[in-house]
Amino acid sequence: MISTNVVILLNADYSFLNTIGWKKAMCLISKSKTEIIKYSNRVIRTARGELIKVPLVMRLIKFIRTLYKNRVPFSKKNVMIRDGLVCSYCGSSDKRLTIDHVVPKSKGGKSSFENCIACCKNCNNKKGGRTCIEAKMFPHTKLTQPTISEFLRIRMLKLGVDSMIRDCFK
């Protein structure tokens, strides 16, 4: 479920843009750049002592043209999102996940979506600098480059944004 400190920001055409902090959301409201679609249960007190409800879902008034890259950029965070924040070897959702190179760097492996997976520290240490065959450890994750739309869908599901947006328009 989405945190109470996070506000869902939609583009003018109601497409998901991003999540922002409540302070940034309040700045956008004060500049009249957004329309509030749904409020959260959170209330803040202003310097004058007034109580203001914090929004949960907001829509930009002016359409922002988003530049879509043709690929999701490779990063540790994006690998973790693709793999669902679980270890690709044992399936644990340990908070201390690392990146494991399926073909180790020492054996010519590259840092790419096709060679890197989310892995807990225990499994990463157990595998060491060996290949999957040598270590007899095989990932349960498909080693593919996610498309932009898949990545946004995964990210929205993880944040709980999709159900929140559906609830706003019922």
Foldseek 3Di string as FASTA:
>chain_A
DADPQWAFEAELVRHGDDIDGQVVVVVCVVVVQKDALAFDPDWDADPVGDIDTGGRYIYGNHGDDDDFDFFDDQDFVLQCLLQVCAAQFPGHNDPQKDKAFLQAVVNPTDRDLQGIHIHHPVVRVQCDNHHCVVSVTDGPHHSDGDGPVVSVVSVCVVNVNVVVSVVSVD
